[in-house]
């Protein structure tokens, strides 16, 4: 019997709408951008809350480990997440 985690689909962080909470599963990318994402707390297992989008939908504001960050959608596309159970 598959675990509950296997049943929840994986999505990219840039696809998540404001008001949702997700858990980081994996980071794609390399170099400076990957280090920046890790530095703001986008590590596997971290809970991320999508707060709001800018007027033109870019950047998007996220809350990670109690701190708010604005991240461009193209950078958020590198973060693979799983929705938290409501």
N, C-alpha and C. Protein backbone atom coordinates (compact mmCIF):
# COMPACT_ATOMS: atom_id res chain seq x y z
N UNK A 1 0.85 -1.18 0.00
CA UNK A 1 0.00 0.00 0.00
C UNK A 1 0.90 1.24 0.00
N UNK A 2 0.71 2.17 -0.96
CA UNK A 2 1.56 3.36 -1.01
C UNK A 2 1.29 4.29 0.16
N UNK A 3 2.34 5.02 0.54
CA UNK A 3 2.18 5.96 1.65
C UNK A 3 1.40 7.18 1.18
N UNK A 4 0.91 7.95 2.13
CA UNK A 4 0.16 9.17 1.82
C UNK A 4 1.01 10.14 1.02
N UNK A 5 2.32 10.22 1.33
CA UNK A 5 3.20 11.14 0.62
C UNK A 5 3.27 10.82 -0.87
N UNK A 6 3.18 9.53 -1.23
CA UNK A 6 3.24 9.14 -2.63
C UNK A 6 1.99 9.55 -3.39
N UNK A 7 0.88 9.74 -2.71
CA UNK A 7 -0.38 10.07 -3.36
C UNK A 7 -0.52 11.56 -3.64
N UNK A 8 0.24 12.39 -2.98
CA UNK A 8 0.16 13.83 -3.17
C UNK A 8 1.08 14.21 -4.33
N UNK A 9 0.53 14.83 -5.38
CA UNK A 9 1.37 15.15 -6.54
C UNK A 9 2.40 16.24 -6.24
N UNK A 10 3.50 16.17 -6.97
CA UNK A 10 4.53 17.19 -6.86
C UNK A 10 4.25 18.29 -7.87
N UNK A 11 4.50 19.53 -7.47
CA UNK A 11 4.33 20.68 -8.35
C UNK A 11 5.52 21.61 -8.16
N UNK A 12 5.62 22.59 -9.01
CA UNK A 12 6.66 23.61 -8.89
C UNK A 12 6.10 24.75 -8.04
N UNK A 13 6.96 25.40 -7.27
CA UNK A 13 6.52 26.46 -6.37
C UNK A 13 5.83 27.60 -7.11
N UNK A 14 6.24 27.88 -8.34
CA UNK A 14 5.63 28.99 -9.08
C UNK A 14 4.19 28.69 -9.50
N UNK A 15 3.73 27.45 -9.36
CA UNK A 15 2.36 27.05 -9.71
C UNK A 15 1.39 27.16 -8.54
N UNK A 16 1.90 27.42 -7.34
CA UNK A 16 1.08 27.42 -6.13
C UNK A 16 0.44 28.81 -5.95
N UNK A 17 -0.85 28.81 -5.66
CA UNK A 17 -1.61 30.05 -5.49
C UNK A 17 -1.47 30.60 -4.08
N UNK A 18 -1.62 31.93 -3.91
CA UNK A 18 -1.56 32.53 -2.57
C UNK A 18 -2.56 31.89 -1.61
N UNK A 19 -2.13 31.79 -0.35
CA UNK A 19 -2.97 31.19 0.68
C UNK A 19 -2.70 29.72 0.90
N UNK A 20 -1.88 29.11 0.07
CA UNK A 20 -1.58 27.67 0.21
C UNK A 20 -0.25 27.48 0.92
N UNK A 21 -0.13 26.34 1.58
CA UNK A 21 1.11 25.93 2.24
C UNK A 21 1.62 24.67 1.56
N UNK A 22 2.93 24.64 1.34
CA UNK A 22 3.55 23.49 0.69
C UNK A 22 4.82 23.11 1.43
N UNK A 23 5.30 21.91 1.15
CA UNK A 23 6.55 21.43 1.73
C UNK A 23 7.56 21.24 0.61
N UNK A 24 8.76 21.76 0.80
CA UNK A 24 9.81 21.63 -0.21
C UNK A 24 10.27 20.18 -0.27
N UNK A 25 10.32 19.64 -1.50
CA UNK A 25 10.76 18.27 -1.71
C UNK A 25 12.16 18.24 -2.30
N UNK A 26 12.41 19.13 -3.27
CA UNK A 26 13.67 19.08 -4.02
C UNK A 26 13.96 20.44 -4.64
N UNK A 27 15.22 20.75 -4.79
CA UNK A 27 15.64 21.97 -5.49
C UNK A 27 16.36 21.59 -6.77
N UNK A 28 15.98 22.21 -7.87
CA UNK A 28 16.69 22.02 -9.12
C UNK A 28 17.63 23.19 -9.28
N UNK A 29 18.46 23.17 -10.29
CA UNK A 29 19.36 24.28 -10.54
C UNK A 29 20.69 24.10 -9.85
N UNK A 30 21.60 25.00 -10.20
CA UNK A 30 22.96 24.94 -9.66
C UNK A 30 23.50 26.33 -9.40
N UNK A 31 24.66 26.34 -8.79
CA UNK A 31 25.39 27.58 -8.64
C UNK A 31 24.79 28.58 -7.67
N UNK A 32 24.97 29.86 -8.02
CA UNK A 32 24.58 30.95 -7.15
C UNK A 32 23.09 30.97 -6.82
N UNK A 33 22.24 30.71 -7.81
CA UNK A 33 20.80 30.72 -7.57
C UNK A 33 20.41 29.63 -6.58
N UNK A 34 20.94 28.44 -6.73
CA UNK A 34 20.64 27.34 -5.79
C UNK A 34 21.10 27.71 -4.38
N UNK A 35 22.28 28.28 -4.27
CA UNK A 35 22.78 28.69 -2.95
C UNK A 35 21.89 29.77 -2.35
N UNK A 36 21.39 30.68 -3.16
CA UNK A 36 20.50 31.74 -2.66
C UNK A 36 19.21 31.14 -2.13
N UNK A 37 18.63 30.20 -2.89
CA UNK A 37 17.39 29.56 -2.44
C UNK A 37 17.61 28.79 -1.14
N UNK A 38 18.72 28.08 -1.04
CA UNK A 38 19.03 27.36 0.19
C UNK A 38 19.23 28.34 1.35
N UNK A 39 19.87 29.47 1.08
CA UNK A 39 20.14 30.46 2.13
C UNK A 39 18.87 31.07 2.71
N UNK A 40 17.80 31.19 1.90
CA UNK A 40 16.55 31.75 2.42
C UNK A 40 15.66 30.67 3.04
N UNK A 41 16.16 29.45 3.11
CA UNK A 41 15.41 28.39 3.80
C UNK A 41 14.67 27.42 2.92
N UNK A 42 14.85 27.51 1.61
CA UNK A 42 14.18 26.58 0.69
C UNK A 42 14.93 25.25 0.67
N UNK A 43 14.91 24.58 1.80
CA UNK A 43 15.58 23.29 1.94
C UNK A 43 14.54 22.19 1.99
N UNK A 44 14.89 20.98 1.56
CA UNK A 44 13.92 19.88 1.63
C UNK A 44 13.33 19.75 3.03
N UNK A 45 12.01 19.67 3.08
CA UNK A 45 11.30 19.54 4.35
C UNK A 45 10.76 20.86 4.89
N UNK A 46 11.23 21.99 4.37
CA UNK A 46 10.77 23.29 4.84
C UNK A 46 9.34 23.55 4.39
N UNK A 47 8.56 24.18 5.27
CA UNK A 47 7.19 24.57 4.95
C UNK A 47 7.22 25.99 4.39
N UNK A 48 6.56 26.18 3.25
CA UNK A 48 6.53 27.47 2.58
C UNK A 48 5.07 27.89 2.43
N UNK A 49 4.78 29.12 2.83
CA UNK A 49 3.44 29.67 2.65
C UNK A 49 3.50 30.72 1.54
N UNK A 50 2.60 30.62 0.58
CA UNK A 50 2.54 31.60 -0.50
C UNK A 50 1.65 32.74 -0.01
N UNK A 51 2.23 33.93 0.11
CA UNK A 51 1.51 35.06 0.70
C UNK A 51 0.74 35.88 -0.32
N UNK A 52 1.43 36.42 -1.32
CA UNK A 52 0.75 37.26 -2.31
C UNK A 52 1.63 37.45 -3.54
N UNK A 53 0.95 37.83 -4.63
CA UNK A 53 1.65 38.10 -5.88
C UNK A 53 1.69 39.60 -6.11
N UNK A 54 2.72 40.06 -6.78
CA UNK A 54 2.82 41.46 -7.18
C UNK A 54 1.74 41.73 -8.23
N UNK A 55 1.43 43.00 -8.52
CA UNK A 55 0.36 43.32 -9.47
C UNK A 55 0.48 42.64 -10.83
N UNK A 56 1.68 42.40 -11.32
CA UNK A 56 1.86 41.72 -12.60
C UNK A 56 2.24 40.25 -12.40
N UNK A 57 1.93 39.70 -11.23
CA UNK A 57 2.19 38.30 -10.87
C UNK A 57 3.67 37.95 -10.71
N UNK A 58 4.55 38.92 -10.65
CA UNK A 58 5.96 38.64 -10.48
C UNK A 58 6.63 39.84 -9.83
N UNK A 59 7.35 39.69 -8.73
CA UNK A 59 7.64 38.45 -8.00
C UNK A 59 6.48 38.03 -7.10
N UNK A 60 6.70 36.91 -6.42
CA UNK A 60 5.71 36.36 -5.49
C UNK A 60 6.34 36.39 -4.10
N UNK A 61 5.52 36.71 -3.10
CA UNK A 61 6.02 36.77 -1.73
C UNK A 61 5.72 35.45 -1.02
N UNK A 62 6.75 34.89 -0.40
CA UNK A 62 6.66 33.62 0.31
C UNK A 62 7.11 33.81 1.75
N UNK A 63 6.56 33.01 2.65
CA UNK A 63 7.03 32.98 4.04
C UNK A 63 7.70 31.62 4.27
N UNK A 64 8.97 31.69 4.66
CA UNK A 64 9.76 30.48 4.92
C UNK A 64 10.41 30.65 6.28
N UNK A 65 10.13 29.73 7.18
CA UNK A 65 10.72 29.75 8.52
C UNK A 65 10.54 31.10 9.21
N UNK A 66 9.33 31.67 9.07
CA UNK A 66 8.99 32.90 9.77
C UNK A 66 9.46 34.19 9.12
N UNK A 67 10.11 34.11 7.98
CA UNK A 67 10.60 35.29 7.29
C UNK A 67 9.98 35.37 5.90
N UNK A 68 9.62 36.59 5.47
CA UNK A 68 9.00 36.80 4.17
C UNK A 68 10.05 37.15 3.12
N UNK A 69 9.94 36.51 1.96
CA UNK A 69 10.86 36.74 0.84
C UNK A 69 10.07 36.92 -0.43
N UNK A 70 10.54 37.80 -1.30
CA UNK A 70 9.97 37.93 -2.64
C UNK A 70 10.92 37.23 -3.60
N UNK A 71 10.37 36.30 -4.36
CA UNK A 71 11.18 35.50 -5.27
C UNK A 71 10.53 35.55 -6.65
N UNK A 72 11.35 35.74 -7.67
CA UNK A 72 10.84 35.75 -9.04
C UNK A 72 10.25 34.39 -9.39
N UNK A 73 9.24 34.41 -10.22
CA UNK A 73 8.58 33.16 -10.62
C UNK A 73 9.55 32.21 -11.32
N UNK A 74 10.45 32.75 -12.14
CA UNK A 74 11.40 31.89 -12.85
C UNK A 74 12.34 31.17 -11.86
N UNK A 75 12.63 31.81 -10.72
CA UNK A 75 13.45 31.16 -9.69
C UNK A 75 12.63 30.17 -8.89
N UNK A 76 11.38 30.52 -8.59
CA UNK A 76 10.49 29.61 -7.85
C UNK A 76 10.20 28.35 -8.66
N UNK A 77 10.34 28.43 -9.97
CA UNK A 77 10.12 27.26 -10.83
C UNK A 77 11.12 26.14 -10.53
N UNK A 78 12.22 26.47 -9.92
CA UNK A 78 13.26 25.49 -9.60
C UNK A 78 12.99 24.72 -8.30
N UNK A 79 11.95 25.12 -7.57
CA UNK A 79 11.64 24.49 -6.28
C UNK A 79 10.46 23.54 -6.47
N UNK A 80 10.72 22.24 -6.24
CA UNK A 80 9.68 21.22 -6.35
C UNK A 80 9.06 21.04 -4.97
N UNK A 81 7.72 21.10 -4.91
CA UNK A 81 7.02 21.06 -3.62
C UNK A 81 5.86 20.07 -3.65
N UNK A 82 5.34 19.81 -2.46
CA UNK A 82 4.19 18.94 -2.27
C UNK A 82 3.21 19.71 -1.39
N UNK A 83 1.91 19.67 -1.72
CA UNK A 83 0.93 20.37 -0.92
C UNK A 83 0.82 19.75 0.47
N UNK A 84 0.68 20.61 1.46
CA UNK A 84 0.44 20.17 2.83
C UNK A 84 -1.00 19.73 2.96
N UNK A 85 -1.26 18.73 3.74
CA UNK A 85 -2.62 18.28 3.98
C UNK A 85 -3.37 19.34 4.79
N UNK A 86 -4.59 19.64 4.40
CA UNK A 86 -5.39 20.63 5.12
C UNK A 86 -6.03 20.05 6.35
